[in-house]
Amino acid sequence: MKQIKRLIATILMVLAISLPASAQFRFGLKAGVAVNTLSFNTDLFQSSNRAGFTGGAIIEYNIPVVNLGIDASVLYVNRAVNVTGETEAGVIVSENKNRSYIDIPINLKWKIDLPIVGRWILPFVTTGPDFSILLTKDSFTAENLQNFSSKSVDFAWNVGVGFELFKHVQIAANYGFPVGEQITGHINNHEALYSNNQCWTITATYLF
């Protein structure tokens, strides 16, 4: 945990020092929902597709000439976790449970300045690491789903797309590719299978 905190602090310090004085700094608030499947119809926000919610604060540095910068957030995340395992008798046992995290994503962000409409709308792409700190360690209640261990800090690599409206509002879709297993365990001496807890996150941000 201490090593992760030092790494995050070092990354933020280096980025802050390396950016030129002309860079724009902004602070904002972010909120959104996590969904299992990203679709462009009414199924997107159906209760069966929702995997959780998120909210918190964001800072953004941007270099105006090239529209390249970074953003870093501190977010409370409530995210669905699914653990699946197989008993010695070949019976599949699984359970879903929502867990709480503090997420710290640090993204490189490139804003694409479009002719004519660039002053009103700016598409952007993002990518970077995401550190998730587990806040809850609820045990699973399904039969045989016991003796699981959870990492206190999870790691994923984010990719995302979005657009900025009128220089203040950002709408984005983001997916985190997990690195390693977040939950491990055994069922009757059989290795448990873990379905990762990463999903699509749809967020709205207001930058002051």
N, C-alpha and C. Protein backbone atom coordinates (compact mmCIF):
# COMPACT_ATOMS: atom_id res chain seq x y z
N MET A 1 0.82 -1.20 0.00
CA MET A 1 0.00 0.00 0.00
C MET A 1 0.86 1.26 0.00
N LYS A 2 1.94 1.27 0.86
CA LYS A 2 2.81 2.44 0.90
C LYS A 2 3.51 2.66 -0.43
N GLN A 3 3.91 1.55 -1.09
CA GLN A 3 4.59 1.68 -2.37
C GLN A 3 3.67 2.27 -3.42
N ILE A 4 2.39 1.87 -3.41
CA ILE A 4 1.42 2.41 -4.37
C ILE A 4 1.22 3.90 -4.13
N LYS A 5 1.08 4.30 -2.87
CA LYS A 5 0.89 5.72 -2.56
C LYS A 5 2.09 6.55 -3.00
N ARG A 6 3.29 6.01 -2.78
CA ARG A 6 4.49 6.74 -3.22
C ARG A 6 4.55 6.86 -4.74
N LEU A 7 4.15 5.78 -5.44
CA LEU A 7 4.15 5.81 -6.90
C LEU A 7 3.19 6.87 -7.42
N ILE A 8 1.98 6.92 -6.86
CA ILE A 8 0.98 7.90 -7.30
C ILE A 8 1.49 9.32 -7.05
N ALA A 9 2.05 9.56 -5.85
CA ALA A 9 2.57 10.89 -5.52
C ALA A 9 3.70 11.29 -6.45
N THR A 10 4.58 10.35 -6.78
CA THR A 10 5.70 10.63 -7.68
C THR A 10 5.22 10.98 -9.08
N ILE A 11 4.24 10.22 -9.59
CA ILE A 11 3.70 10.49 -10.93
C ILE A 11 3.10 11.88 -11.00
N LEU A 12 2.29 12.24 -10.00
CA LEU A 12 1.65 13.56 -9.99
C LEU A 12 2.69 14.67 -9.88
N MET A 13 3.75 14.48 -9.08
CA MET A 13 4.78 15.50 -8.92
C MET A 13 5.55 15.72 -10.22
N VAL A 14 5.93 14.62 -10.88
CA VAL A 14 6.68 14.73 -12.14
C VAL A 14 5.85 15.42 -13.21
N LEU A 15 4.57 15.05 -13.30
CA LEU A 15 3.70 15.66 -14.30
C LEU A 15 3.51 17.14 -14.04
N ALA A 16 3.35 17.51 -12.79
CA ALA A 16 3.14 18.92 -12.45
C ALA A 16 4.38 19.75 -12.78
N ILE A 17 5.58 19.22 -12.51
CA ILE A 17 6.81 19.95 -12.77
C ILE A 17 7.09 20.07 -14.27
N SER A 18 6.73 19.02 -15.02
CA SER A 18 7.10 18.97 -16.44
C SER A 18 6.20 19.83 -17.32
N LEU A 19 5.02 20.19 -16.85
CA LEU A 19 4.11 20.97 -17.68
C LEU A 19 4.52 22.44 -17.71
N PRO A 20 4.41 23.11 -18.87
CA PRO A 20 4.81 24.50 -18.97
C PRO A 20 3.86 25.43 -18.23
N ALA A 21 4.33 26.65 -17.99
CA ALA A 21 3.52 27.61 -17.24
C ALA A 21 2.23 27.97 -17.96
N SER A 22 2.20 27.83 -19.29
CA SER A 22 1.01 28.18 -20.07
C SER A 22 -0.09 27.14 -19.97
N ALA A 23 0.21 26.01 -19.34
CA ALA A 23 -0.79 24.95 -19.23
C ALA A 23 -1.98 25.41 -18.40
N GLN A 24 -3.16 24.94 -18.77
CA GLN A 24 -4.38 25.29 -18.07
C GLN A 24 -4.66 24.25 -16.99
N PHE A 25 -4.96 24.73 -15.80
CA PHE A 25 -5.31 23.86 -14.69
C PHE A 25 -6.76 24.10 -14.31
N ARG A 26 -7.52 22.99 -14.18
CA ARG A 26 -8.93 23.12 -13.80
C ARG A 26 -9.28 22.02 -12.80
N PHE A 27 -10.25 22.34 -11.97
CA PHE A 27 -10.78 21.41 -10.98
C PHE A 27 -12.24 21.14 -11.31
N GLY A 28 -12.69 19.91 -11.06
CA GLY A 28 -14.09 19.60 -11.36
C GLY A 28 -14.65 18.49 -10.50
N LEU A 29 -15.92 18.23 -10.71
CA LEU A 29 -16.64 17.15 -10.04
C LEU A 29 -17.14 16.17 -11.08
N LYS A 30 -17.07 14.87 -10.74
CA LYS A 30 -17.43 13.82 -11.69
C LYS A 30 -18.40 12.84 -11.03
N ALA A 31 -19.37 12.36 -11.82
CA ALA A 31 -20.31 11.35 -11.34
C ALA A 31 -20.72 10.47 -12.51
N GLY A 32 -21.10 9.23 -12.21
CA GLY A 32 -21.49 8.35 -13.31
C GLY A 32 -21.97 7.00 -12.82
N VAL A 33 -22.21 6.13 -13.79
CA VAL A 33 -22.68 4.78 -13.51
C VAL A 33 -21.76 3.79 -14.22
N ALA A 34 -21.65 2.60 -13.65
CA ALA A 34 -20.92 1.49 -14.27
C ALA A 34 -21.94 0.55 -14.88
N VAL A 35 -21.68 0.10 -16.11
CA VAL A 35 -22.59 -0.81 -16.80
C VAL A 35 -21.80 -2.00 -17.33
N ASN A 36 -22.45 -3.16 -17.38
CA ASN A 36 -21.78 -4.36 -17.87
C ASN A 36 -21.57 -4.32 -19.37
N THR A 37 -22.56 -3.81 -20.10
CA THR A 37 -22.51 -3.78 -21.55
C THR A 37 -22.79 -2.37 -22.05
N LEU A 38 -21.90 -1.85 -22.88
CA LEU A 38 -22.08 -0.52 -23.46
C LEU A 38 -22.90 -0.65 -24.73
N SER A 39 -24.11 -0.08 -24.72
CA SER A 39 -24.97 -0.14 -25.90
C SER A 39 -25.60 1.22 -26.11
N PHE A 40 -25.98 1.48 -27.34
CA PHE A 40 -26.53 2.79 -27.66
C PHE A 40 -28.04 2.70 -27.87
N ASN A 41 -28.71 2.16 -26.87
CA ASN A 41 -30.17 2.08 -26.88
C ASN A 41 -30.67 2.12 -25.45
N THR A 42 -31.96 1.87 -25.25
CA THR A 42 -32.55 2.00 -23.92
C THR A 42 -32.05 0.93 -22.95
N ASP A 43 -31.38 -0.12 -23.44
CA ASP A 43 -30.86 -1.15 -22.55
C ASP A 43 -29.68 -0.66 -21.71
N LEU A 44 -29.09 0.48 -22.11
CA LEU A 44 -27.87 0.94 -21.45
C LEU A 44 -28.09 1.15 -19.96
N PHE A 45 -29.22 1.75 -19.57
CA PHE A 45 -29.46 2.09 -18.18
C PHE A 45 -30.52 1.21 -17.53
N GLN A 46 -30.77 0.04 -18.10
CA GLN A 46 -31.66 -0.92 -17.44
C GLN A 46 -31.00 -1.43 -16.17
N SER A 47 -31.81 -1.71 -15.15
CA SER A 47 -31.27 -2.15 -13.86
C SER A 47 -30.46 -3.44 -14.00
N SER A 48 -30.83 -4.31 -14.93
CA SER A 48 -30.10 -5.57 -15.11
C SER A 48 -28.70 -5.36 -15.69
N ASN A 49 -28.47 -4.18 -16.30
CA ASN A 49 -27.18 -3.90 -16.92
C ASN A 49 -26.28 -3.07 -16.01
N ARG A 50 -26.83 -2.49 -14.98
CA ARG A 50 -26.04 -1.63 -14.11
C ARG A 50 -25.15 -2.46 -13.18
N ALA A 51 -23.92 -2.02 -13.06
CA ALA A 51 -22.96 -2.73 -12.21
C ALA A 51 -22.50 -1.89 -11.04
N GLY A 52 -22.96 -0.64 -10.93
CA GLY A 52 -22.55 0.20 -9.82
C GLY A 52 -22.59 1.67 -10.18
N PHE A 53 -21.96 2.50 -9.33
CA PHE A 53 -21.95 3.94 -9.55
C PHE A 53 -20.64 4.51 -9.04
N THR A 54 -20.36 5.75 -9.41
CA THR A 54 -19.11 6.39 -9.02
C THR A 54 -19.30 7.88 -8.89
N GLY A 55 -18.45 8.52 -8.11
CA GLY A 55 -18.49 9.97 -7.96
C GLY A 55 -17.28 10.47 -7.22
N GLY A 56 -16.86 11.71 -7.52
CA GLY A 56 -15.70 12.26 -6.84
C GLY A 56 -15.19 13.52 -7.51
N ALA A 57 -13.89 13.80 -7.33
CA ALA A 57 -13.28 15.03 -7.81
C ALA A 57 -12.22 14.72 -8.86
N ILE A 58 -11.95 15.69 -9.73
CA ILE A 58 -10.99 15.53 -10.81
C ILE A 58 -10.19 16.82 -10.97
N ILE A 59 -8.91 16.69 -11.31
CA ILE A 59 -8.10 17.83 -11.73
C ILE A 59 -7.62 17.57 -13.15
N GLU A 60 -7.49 18.64 -13.93
CA GLU A 60 -7.07 18.50 -15.33
C GLU A 60 -6.03 19.55 -15.67
N TYR A 61 -4.92 19.09 -16.25
CA TYR A 61 -3.91 19.96 -16.84
C TYR A 61 -4.01 19.82 -18.36
N ASN A 62 -3.95 20.95 -19.06
CA ASN A 62 -4.01 20.89 -20.51
C ASN A 62 -3.07 21.91 -21.12
N ILE A 63 -2.32 21.49 -22.16
CA ILE A 63 -1.44 22.40 -22.90
C ILE A 63 -2.22 22.89 -24.12
N PRO A 64 -2.62 24.16 -24.16
CA PRO A 64 -3.55 24.65 -25.18
C PRO A 64 -3.13 24.43 -26.62
N VAL A 65 -1.87 24.64 -26.97
CA VAL A 65 -1.45 24.60 -28.37
C VAL A 65 -1.66 23.22 -28.98
N VAL A 66 -1.31 22.19 -28.23
CA VAL A 66 -1.43 20.82 -28.76
C VAL A 66 -2.63 20.07 -28.19
N ASN A 67 -3.35 20.72 -27.24
CA ASN A 67 -4.51 20.09 -26.60
C ASN A 67 -4.18 18.74 -25.97
N LEU A 68 -2.99 18.63 -25.42
CA LEU A 68 -2.56 17.40 -24.77
C LEU A 68 -2.33 17.68 -23.30
N GLY A 69 -2.77 16.79 -22.46
CA GLY A 69 -2.60 17.00 -21.03
C GLY A 69 -2.88 15.73 -20.24
N ILE A 70 -3.17 15.92 -18.97
CA ILE A 70 -3.49 14.78 -18.10
C ILE A 70 -4.69 15.13 -17.24
N ASP A 71 -5.37 14.11 -16.75
CA ASP A 71 -6.33 14.32 -15.68
C ASP A 71 -6.13 13.23 -14.63
N ALA A 72 -6.41 13.57 -13.40
CA ALA A 72 -6.30 12.64 -12.29
C ALA A 72 -7.53 12.81 -11.41
N SER A 73 -8.11 11.68 -10.98
CA SER A 73 -9.34 11.72 -10.20
C SER A 73 -9.19 10.91 -8.92
N VAL A 74 -9.98 11.28 -7.93
CA VAL A 74 -10.17 10.48 -6.73
C VAL A 74 -11.67 10.21 -6.64
N LEU A 75 -12.05 8.93 -6.81
CA LEU A 75 -13.46 8.59 -6.96
C LEU A 75 -13.88 7.50 -5.97
N TYR A 76 -15.06 7.68 -5.40
CA TYR A 76 -15.69 6.57 -4.68
C TYR A 76 -16.43 5.73 -5.70
N VAL A 77 -16.21 4.42 -5.68
CA VAL A 77 -16.82 3.52 -6.66
C VAL A 77 -17.50 2.36 -5.94
N ASN A 78 -18.75 2.12 -6.29
CA ASN A 78 -19.45 0.93 -5.83
C ASN A 78 -19.62 0.04 -7.05
N ARG A 79 -18.93 -1.12 -7.06
CA ARG A 79 -18.82 -1.93 -8.27
C ARG A 79 -19.21 -3.38 -8.00
N ALA A 80 -19.89 -3.99 -8.95
CA ALA A 80 -20.31 -5.39 -8.82
C ALA A 80 -19.14 -6.33 -9.04
N VAL A 81 -19.05 -7.35 -8.20
CA VAL A 81 -18.03 -8.38 -8.31
C VAL A 81 -18.72 -9.72 -8.44
N ASN A 82 -18.23 -10.57 -9.35
CA ASN A 82 -18.78 -11.90 -9.52
C ASN A 82 -17.67 -12.93 -9.32
N VAL A 83 -17.91 -13.87 -8.40
CA VAL A 83 -16.96 -14.97 -8.18
C VAL A 83 -17.63 -16.27 -8.59
N THR A 84 -16.95 -17.05 -9.41
CA THR A 84 -17.48 -18.32 -9.90
C THR A 84 -16.46 -19.42 -9.66
N GLY A 85 -16.92 -20.56 -9.14
CA GLY A 85 -16.03 -21.70 -8.91
C GLY A 85 -16.74 -23.01 -9.17
N GLU A 86 -15.96 -24.07 -9.25
CA GLU A 86 -16.51 -25.40 -9.51
C GLU A 86 -16.11 -26.35 -8.38
N THR A 87 -17.09 -27.05 -7.83
CA THR A 87 -16.82 -28.00 -6.75
C THR A 87 -16.24 -29.29 -7.33
N GLU A 88 -15.80 -30.18 -6.43
CA GLU A 88 -15.27 -31.47 -6.87
C GLU A 88 -16.30 -32.28 -7.63
N ALA A 89 -17.58 -32.07 -7.32
CA ALA A 89 -18.66 -32.79 -8.00
C ALA A 89 -19.02 -32.17 -9.34
N GLY A 90 -18.32 -31.11 -9.72
CA GLY A 90 -18.58 -30.48 -11.01
C GLY A 90 -19.71 -29.48 -10.97
N VAL A 91 -20.17 -29.07 -9.77
CA VAL A 91 -21.26 -28.10 -9.65
C VAL A 91 -20.67 -26.69 -9.70
N ILE A 92 -21.24 -25.86 -10.57
CA ILE A 92 -20.80 -24.47 -10.69
C ILE A 92 -21.49 -23.63 -9.63
N VAL A 93 -20.70 -22.94 -8.83
CA VAL A 93 -21.22 -22.07 -7.78
C VAL A 93 -20.77 -20.64 -8.06
N SER A 94 -21.70 -19.69 -8.02
CA SER A 94 -21.32 -18.31 -8.28
C SER A 94 -22.17 -17.37 -7.42
N GLU A 95 -21.64 -16.18 -7.23
CA GLU A 95 -22.36 -15.18 -6.45
C GLU A 95 -21.90 -13.79 -6.87
N ASN A 96 -22.86 -12.86 -6.93
CA ASN A 96 -22.56 -11.46 -7.21
C ASN A 96 -22.62 -10.66 -5.91
N LYS A 97 -21.73 -9.70 -5.77
CA LYS A 97 -21.75 -8.84 -4.59
C LYS A 97 -21.16 -7.49 -4.97
N ASN A 98 -21.78 -6.43 -4.47
CA ASN A 98 -21.24 -5.09 -4.71
C ASN A 98 -20.21 -4.74 -3.64
N ARG A 99 -19.08 -4.19 -4.09
CA ARG A 99 -18.02 -3.79 -3.18
C ARG A 99 -17.65 -2.33 -3.42
N SER A 100 -17.14 -1.70 -2.37
CA SER A 100 -16.78 -0.28 -2.46
C SER A 100 -15.27 -0.12 -2.61
N TYR A 101 -14.88 0.85 -3.44
CA TYR A 101 -13.48 1.13 -3.72
C TYR A 101 -13.23 2.63 -3.73
N ILE A 102 -11.98 3.02 -3.53
CA ILE A 102 -11.51 4.34 -3.91
C ILE A 102 -10.66 4.15 -5.16
N ASP A 103 -11.10 4.73 -6.27
CA ASP A 103 -10.37 4.63 -7.53
C ASP A 103 -9.54 5.88 -7.75
N ILE A 104 -8.30 5.70 -8.22
CA ILE A 104 -7.42 6.82 -8.56
C ILE A 104 -6.92 6.61 -9.98
N PRO A 105 -7.68 7.03 -10.99
CA PRO A 105 -7.21 6.94 -12.38
C PRO A 105 -6.37 8.16 -12.75
N ILE A 106 -5.27 7.94 -13.45
CA ILE A 106 -4.41 9.02 -13.94
C ILE A 106 -4.27 8.83 -15.44
N ASN A 107 -4.86 9.72 -16.21
CA ASN A 107 -4.97 9.52 -17.65
C ASN A 107 -4.24 10.59 -18.46
N LEU A 108 -3.62 10.16 -19.54
CA LEU A 108 -3.17 11.06 -20.58
C LEU A 108 -4.39 11.38 -21.44
N LYS A 109 -4.63 12.67 -21.71
CA LYS A 109 -5.84 13.08 -22.44
C LYS A 109 -5.46 13.94 -23.65
N TRP A 110 -5.97 13.55 -24.81
CA TRP A 110 -5.76 14.33 -26.04
C TRP A 110 -7.09 14.83 -26.55
N LYS A 111 -7.24 16.14 -26.60
CA LYS A 111 -8.47 16.76 -27.12
C LYS A 111 -8.27 17.09 -28.60
N ILE A 112 -9.26 16.74 -29.40
CA ILE A 112 -9.17 16.91 -30.85
C ILE A 112 -9.92 18.18 -31.25
N ASP A 113 -9.16 19.19 -31.66
CA ASP A 113 -9.74 20.49 -32.00
C ASP A 113 -10.33 20.45 -33.40
N LEU A 114 -11.65 20.47 -33.49
CA LEU A 114 -12.32 20.40 -34.79
C LEU A 114 -12.50 21.81 -35.36
N PRO A 115 -12.39 21.95 -36.70
CA PRO A 115 -12.62 23.26 -37.32
C PRO A 115 -14.05 23.75 -37.06
N ILE A 116 -14.20 25.03 -36.89
CA ILE A 116 -15.47 25.74 -36.73
C ILE A 116 -16.15 25.42 -35.39
N VAL A 117 -16.41 24.13 -35.12
CA VAL A 117 -17.18 23.77 -33.92
C VAL A 117 -16.31 23.55 -32.69
N GLY A 118 -14.97 23.72 -32.85
CA GLY A 118 -14.05 23.43 -31.77
C GLY A 118 -14.29 24.25 -30.51
N ARG A 119 -14.86 25.45 -30.65
CA ARG A 119 -15.10 26.27 -29.47
C ARG A 119 -16.29 25.78 -28.65
N TRP A 120 -17.11 24.91 -29.24
CA TRP A 120 -18.30 24.40 -28.55
C TRP A 120 -18.18 22.93 -28.16
N ILE A 121 -17.50 22.14 -29.00
CA ILE A 121 -17.39 20.71 -28.72
C ILE A 121 -16.00 20.21 -29.08
N LEU A 122 -15.40 19.47 -28.14
CA LEU A 122 -14.05 18.92 -28.33
C LEU A 122 -14.09 17.42 -28.01
N PRO A 123 -13.98 16.55 -29.03
CA PRO A 123 -13.82 15.12 -28.74
C PRO A 123 -12.46 14.88 -28.09
N PHE A 124 -12.36 13.83 -27.28
CA PHE A 124 -11.07 13.49 -26.68
C PHE A 124 -10.95 11.99 -26.47
N VAL A 125 -9.71 11.54 -26.35
CA VAL A 125 -9.40 10.14 -26.02
C VAL A 125 -8.49 10.15 -24.80
N THR A 126 -8.59 9.12 -23.98
CA THR A 126 -7.78 9.04 -22.76
C THR A 126 -7.22 7.63 -22.59
N THR A 127 -6.11 7.54 -21.89
CA THR A 127 -5.56 6.25 -21.50
C THR A 127 -4.61 6.45 -20.33
N GLY A 128 -4.55 5.44 -19.44
CA GLY A 128 -3.65 5.54 -18.30
C GLY A 128 -3.98 4.52 -17.23
N PRO A 129 -3.17 4.47 -16.17
CA PRO A 129 -3.36 3.49 -15.10
C PRO A 129 -4.49 3.88 -14.16
N ASP A 130 -5.07 2.88 -13.52
CA ASP A 130 -6.14 3.09 -12.53
C ASP A 130 -5.84 2.22 -11.31
N PHE A 131 -5.70 2.85 -10.15
CA PHE A 131 -5.44 2.14 -8.90
C PHE A 131 -6.74 2.10 -8.09
N SER A 132 -7.19 0.90 -7.71
CA SER A 132 -8.42 0.73 -6.94
C SER A 132 -8.08 0.22 -5.55
N ILE A 133 -8.46 0.98 -4.53
CA ILE A 133 -8.22 0.61 -3.14
C ILE A 133 -9.51 0.05 -2.55
N LEU A 134 -9.48 -1.20 -2.12
CA LEU A 134 -10.67 -1.87 -1.60
C LEU A 134 -11.04 -1.32 -0.24
N LEU A 135 -12.32 -0.95 -0.07
CA LEU A 135 -12.81 -0.44 1.21
C LEU A 135 -13.58 -1.48 2.00
N THR A 136 -14.26 -2.40 1.31
CA THR A 136 -15.07 -3.41 1.99
C THR A 136 -14.54 -4.80 1.65
N LYS A 137 -14.67 -5.72 2.59
CA LYS A 137 -14.22 -7.09 2.38
C LYS A 137 -15.32 -8.06 2.82
N ASP A 138 -16.54 -7.84 2.32
CA ASP A 138 -17.65 -8.72 2.68
C ASP A 138 -17.38 -10.13 2.16
N SER A 139 -17.68 -11.11 2.98
CA SER A 139 -17.51 -12.50 2.56
C SER A 139 -18.69 -12.92 1.70
N PHE A 140 -18.47 -13.94 0.89
CA PHE A 140 -19.53 -14.47 0.05
C PHE A 140 -20.34 -15.49 0.84
N THR A 141 -21.66 -15.51 0.60
CA THR A 141 -22.55 -16.33 1.43
C THR A 141 -22.94 -17.64 0.77
N ALA A 142 -22.73 -17.78 -0.54
CA ALA A 142 -23.12 -19.01 -1.23
C ALA A 142 -22.32 -20.19 -0.69
N GLU A 143 -22.95 -21.35 -0.68
CA GLU A 143 -22.29 -22.56 -0.19
C GLU A 143 -21.00 -22.82 -0.96
N ASN A 144 -19.95 -23.12 -0.25
CA ASN A 144 -18.62 -23.44 -0.80
C ASN A 144 -17.82 -22.22 -1.25
N LEU A 145 -18.44 -21.06 -1.29
CA LEU A 145 -17.69 -19.86 -1.67
C LEU A 145 -17.09 -19.22 -0.42
N GLN A 146 -16.10 -19.84 0.13
CA GLN A 146 -15.46 -19.36 1.34
C GLN A 146 -13.95 -19.36 1.14
N ASN A 147 -13.25 -18.80 2.10
CA ASN A 147 -11.78 -18.78 2.10
C ASN A 147 -11.20 -18.06 0.89
N PHE A 148 -11.84 -16.98 0.50
CA PHE A 148 -11.32 -16.16 -0.58
C PHE A 148 -10.45 -15.05 -0.01
N SER A 149 -9.43 -14.68 -0.74
CA SER A 149 -8.60 -13.54 -0.35
C SER A 149 -8.70 -12.47 -1.42
N SER A 150 -8.74 -11.21 -0.98
CA SER A 150 -8.87 -10.08 -1.89
C SER A 150 -7.65 -9.18 -1.78
N LYS A 151 -7.18 -8.70 -2.91
CA LYS A 151 -6.11 -7.72 -2.91
C LYS A 151 -6.63 -6.41 -2.34
N SER A 152 -5.82 -5.76 -1.51
CA SER A 152 -6.23 -4.47 -0.96
C SER A 152 -6.13 -3.37 -2.01
N VAL A 153 -5.25 -3.57 -3.01
CA VAL A 153 -5.11 -2.61 -4.11
C VAL A 153 -5.15 -3.37 -5.42
N ASP A 154 -6.07 -2.98 -6.29
CA ASP A 154 -6.21 -3.58 -7.61
C ASP A 154 -5.66 -2.61 -8.64
N PHE A 155 -5.26 -3.13 -9.80
CA PHE A 155 -4.68 -2.30 -10.85
C PHE A 155 -5.30 -2.62 -12.19
N ALA A 156 -5.60 -1.59 -12.97
CA ALA A 156 -6.14 -1.76 -14.31
C ALA A 156 -5.56 -0.69 -15.22
N TRP A 157 -5.69 -0.92 -16.54
CA TRP A 157 -5.27 0.09 -17.52
C TRP A 157 -6.52 0.59 -18.24
N ASN A 158 -6.74 1.90 -18.18
CA ASN A 158 -7.94 2.50 -18.73
C ASN A 158 -7.77 2.98 -20.16
N VAL A 159 -8.82 2.86 -20.94
CA VAL A 159 -8.94 3.53 -22.23
C VAL A 159 -10.34 4.15 -22.28
N GLY A 160 -10.45 5.31 -22.90
CA GLY A 160 -11.75 5.97 -22.93
C GLY A 160 -11.88 6.97 -24.05
N VAL A 161 -13.11 7.33 -24.34
CA VAL A 161 -13.43 8.34 -25.34
C VAL A 161 -14.52 9.25 -24.75
N GLY A 162 -14.59 10.47 -25.26
CA GLY A 162 -15.62 11.38 -24.79
C GLY A 162 -15.61 12.67 -25.56
N PHE A 163 -16.38 13.64 -25.07
CA PHE A 163 -16.40 14.95 -25.70
C PHE A 163 -16.65 16.01 -24.63
N GLU A 164 -16.10 17.21 -24.89
CA GLU A 164 -16.26 18.34 -23.98
C GLU A 164 -17.19 19.36 -24.62
N LEU A 165 -18.17 19.83 -23.86
CA LEU A 165 -19.16 20.79 -24.35
C LEU A 165 -18.95 22.15 -23.69
N PHE A 166 -18.84 23.20 -24.50
CA PHE A 166 -18.79 24.57 -24.02
C PHE A 166 -17.70 24.80 -22.97
N LYS A 167 -16.59 24.05 -23.10
CA LYS A 167 -15.39 24.23 -22.26
C LYS A 167 -15.57 23.81 -20.80
N HIS A 168 -16.74 23.29 -20.44
CA HIS A 168 -16.96 22.98 -19.03
C HIS A 168 -17.50 21.58 -18.76
N VAL A 169 -18.32 21.04 -19.63
CA VAL A 169 -18.98 19.75 -19.38
C VAL A 169 -18.31 18.67 -20.23
N GLN A 170 -17.94 17.56 -19.58
CA GLN A 170 -17.34 16.44 -20.29
C GLN A 170 -18.18 15.18 -20.06
N ILE A 171 -18.50 14.50 -21.17
CA ILE A 171 -19.20 13.23 -21.13
C ILE A 171 -18.24 12.17 -21.67
N ALA A 172 -18.05 11.07 -20.94
CA ALA A 172 -17.04 10.09 -21.34
C ALA A 172 -17.49 8.67 -21.06
N ALA A 173 -16.97 7.75 -21.86
CA ALA A 173 -17.12 6.30 -21.64
C ALA A 173 -15.73 5.71 -21.49
N ASN A 174 -15.56 4.89 -20.45
CA ASN A 174 -14.23 4.40 -20.11
C ASN A 174 -14.30 2.91 -19.77
N TYR A 175 -13.25 2.17 -20.18
CA TYR A 175 -13.15 0.76 -19.79
C TYR A 175 -11.78 0.50 -19.22
N GLY A 176 -11.74 -0.27 -18.11
CA GLY A 176 -10.47 -0.61 -17.48
C GLY A 176 -10.13 -2.07 -17.72
N PHE A 177 -8.97 -2.33 -18.30
CA PHE A 177 -8.51 -3.70 -18.52
C PHE A 177 -7.76 -4.15 -17.26
N PRO A 178 -8.28 -5.16 -16.54
CA PRO A 178 -7.64 -5.58 -15.28
C PRO A 178 -6.29 -6.23 -15.52
N VAL A 179 -5.39 -6.01 -14.58
CA VAL A 179 -4.07 -6.64 -14.60
C VAL A 179 -4.00 -7.59 -13.41
N GLY A 180 -4.06 -8.88 -13.66
CA GLY A 180 -4.04 -9.87 -12.59
C GLY A 180 -5.42 -10.09 -12.00
N GLU A 181 -5.49 -11.01 -11.05
CA GLU A 181 -6.75 -11.36 -10.39
C GLU A 181 -6.91 -10.55 -9.11
N GLN A 182 -8.13 -10.04 -8.89
CA GLN A 182 -8.40 -9.26 -7.69
C GLN A 182 -8.82 -10.14 -6.52
N ILE A 183 -9.49 -11.25 -6.82
CA ILE A 183 -9.93 -12.19 -5.79
C ILE A 183 -9.44 -13.58 -6.16
N THR A 184 -8.87 -14.30 -5.21
CA THR A 184 -8.42 -15.67 -5.45
C THR A 184 -8.91 -16.56 -4.31
N GLY A 185 -8.97 -17.86 -4.56
CA GLY A 185 -9.40 -18.78 -3.52
C GLY A 185 -9.57 -20.19 -4.06
N HIS A 186 -9.98 -21.09 -3.18
CA HIS A 186 -10.18 -22.48 -3.56
C HIS A 186 -11.53 -22.99 -3.04
N ILE A 187 -12.10 -23.92 -3.78
CA ILE A 187 -13.33 -24.59 -3.36
C ILE A 187 -13.04 -26.08 -3.29
N ASN A 188 -13.01 -26.62 -2.09
CA ASN A 188 -12.72 -28.05 -1.92
C ASN A 188 -11.45 -28.46 -2.67
N ASN A 189 -10.40 -27.67 -2.49
CA ASN A 189 -9.10 -27.91 -3.13
C ASN A 189 -9.09 -27.67 -4.63
N HIS A 190 -10.17 -27.13 -5.17
CA HIS A 190 -10.20 -26.75 -6.57
C HIS A 190 -10.01 -25.23 -6.67
N GLU A 191 -9.22 -24.81 -7.64
CA GLU A 191 -9.00 -23.37 -7.80
C GLU A 191 -10.29 -22.69 -8.22
N ALA A 192 -10.59 -21.57 -7.58
CA ALA A 192 -11.80 -20.82 -7.92
C ALA A 192 -11.54 -19.93 -9.14
N LEU A 193 -12.54 -19.78 -9.96
CA LEU A 193 -12.45 -18.91 -11.12
C LEU A 193 -13.01 -17.55 -10.76
N TYR A 194 -12.34 -16.52 -11.18
CA TYR A 194 -12.79 -15.18 -10.83
C TYR A 194 -13.13 -14.40 -12.09
N SER A 195 -14.33 -13.86 -12.14
CA SER A 195 -14.74 -12.97 -13.22
C SER A 195 -14.42 -11.55 -12.79
N ASN A 196 -13.54 -10.86 -13.53
CA ASN A 196 -13.00 -9.59 -13.04
C ASN A 196 -14.11 -8.56 -12.83
N ASN A 197 -13.80 -7.57 -11.99
CA ASN A 197 -14.81 -6.59 -11.61
C ASN A 197 -14.77 -5.32 -12.46
N GLN A 198 -14.06 -5.36 -13.57
CA GLN A 198 -14.02 -4.19 -14.43
C GLN A 198 -15.22 -4.15 -15.36
N CYS A 199 -15.67 -2.94 -15.70
CA CYS A 199 -16.83 -2.77 -16.55
C CYS A 199 -16.74 -1.39 -17.20
N TRP A 200 -17.67 -1.11 -18.08
CA TRP A 200 -17.76 0.21 -18.68
C TRP A 200 -18.25 1.22 -17.64
N THR A 201 -17.68 2.41 -17.67
CA THR A 201 -18.12 3.49 -16.79
C THR A 201 -18.50 4.70 -17.64
N ILE A 202 -19.73 5.16 -17.46
CA ILE A 202 -20.23 6.34 -18.17
C ILE A 202 -20.27 7.49 -17.17
N THR A 203 -19.54 8.57 -17.44
CA THR A 203 -19.44 9.66 -16.47
C THR A 203 -19.76 11.01 -17.10
N ALA A 204 -20.21 11.93 -16.25
CA ALA A 204 -20.38 13.33 -16.60
C ALA A 204 -19.54 14.15 -15.63
N THR A 205 -18.78 15.11 -16.17
CA THR A 205 -17.87 15.92 -15.37
C THR A 205 -18.15 17.40 -15.62
N TYR A 206 -18.16 18.18 -14.55
CA TYR A 206 -18.23 19.64 -14.71
C TYR A 206 -16.92 20.25 -14.23
N LEU A 207 -16.23 20.97 -15.11
CA LEU A 207 -14.96 21.60 -14.80
C LEU A 207 -15.16 23.10 -14.56
N PHE A 208 -14.63 23.59 -13.46
CA PHE A 208 -14.78 25.00 -13.11
C PHE A 208 -13.71 25.85 -13.77
